[in-house]
Amino acid sequence: MTTSISMSRRHALALLGASIASPHVARAQGAWPSRSVRYYVGFAAGGATDTLSRIYCQKMSELTGQQFVVENRGGAGGVLGADAVAKSQPDGYGIGMGSIATNAIAVGTYAKLPFHAGKDFTFISGLWKLPNVLVVKKDLPVKDLKEFIALAKGNPGKYSYASPGIGTTLHLSGEMMKSAAGIDLQHITYKGGNPAMVDLLAGRVDTLFDNLPGSLQQIKDGAVRALAVTTTNRSPAIPDVPAMAEVLPGYELTSWVAVCGPAGMPPDIVARINELSVQALKDPTLAAKYAELGAQPFPTTTTDITAYRDKEETRLLPVIKAAGIVPS
């Protein structure tokens, strides 16, 4: 009898302890992040994309008290980094970049991707938008985009535009301009923006489409002349430079990046990351640092960024095909 009573008491105490402890356990399991978070960047350290990612991760570390550790997985135009995100555990501790390059353009330029650009990711929030910019060599006899289009129309095939690679947003920016303006330009491709800029400064190419951070200092120094940005509105970084759409209505090609995780993430963790990301992106200090690089914060709901990615893929695939890019 004594043993039975003792066991009953122990059982009751155990149940009582469980009932008291379980709410705390549940809160601990649901509190994201409770440890460091790995953030995958699909490009090498030191570039604008890496710098913008680190600014975001630093702010997220400040907001959460946990470290957001940037891991660079450069290669294949960002595809390797995106693949690392897609293959992470869906617990919120392996997140990273989704972008126009990896989750829209790559669908039309790669014969086979290691992931499905739409289905293998959870899109959480937009992070930033970044204009591309058309710059020309100093001695080209034009002062604005209208004059350049007129010059090119009068001399079909004579003038060139450089880009840092086939199938990049910079290449597509040029092809979209050619189509919209009805002009014929030679496309000269480089392995990156720096060698393309070197040749533009030397006068070996006539024009260059570049990400704004890559040309911003040369524009400010007067080494090259900026004719237009590719976003629908002017960039606060160079407000005197018109948007391409002011001359070519409907023209837009914006480099965008989102924060995403693998498919199948719990909705509460997705909501928490979105909430914190939006808070980070609305911080004036972060916005100022982004502006220095020509970028604009792009906070969104999860629904909006998912729909935006889908729309971008649909919009850009015909552009890629029209440019004669064969998936490889």
Foldseek 3Di string as FASTA:
>chain_A
DVVVVVVVVVVVVVVVVCVVCVVVVVVCLLDPPPEEAEAEWAADPDDPSNVLVVLLQVLLCVVRVYHYHYDYNYDPQSLRRVVQQLPDDQARRYKYKDWCQHQALLVQAAPDGPDHSQAFKQFQWWFWKFWKFKWWALPDPDQADVVVLVVQAVPAAPAAEEEADPSDLFLLLVLVCCVLSVGHHHYDYHNDDVVRVVCRLVVVHTMYTGTCLSCLVCCVVVRIPIHAIQAPAAFPSCNVHGHPCVVRPPGHRIIIMTMIGTPPHDPSSSNVVLVSSVVSLPDPVSQVVCSVSRMHTGTDGSVVVSVVSVVSNVVCNVSSVVSVNHHD
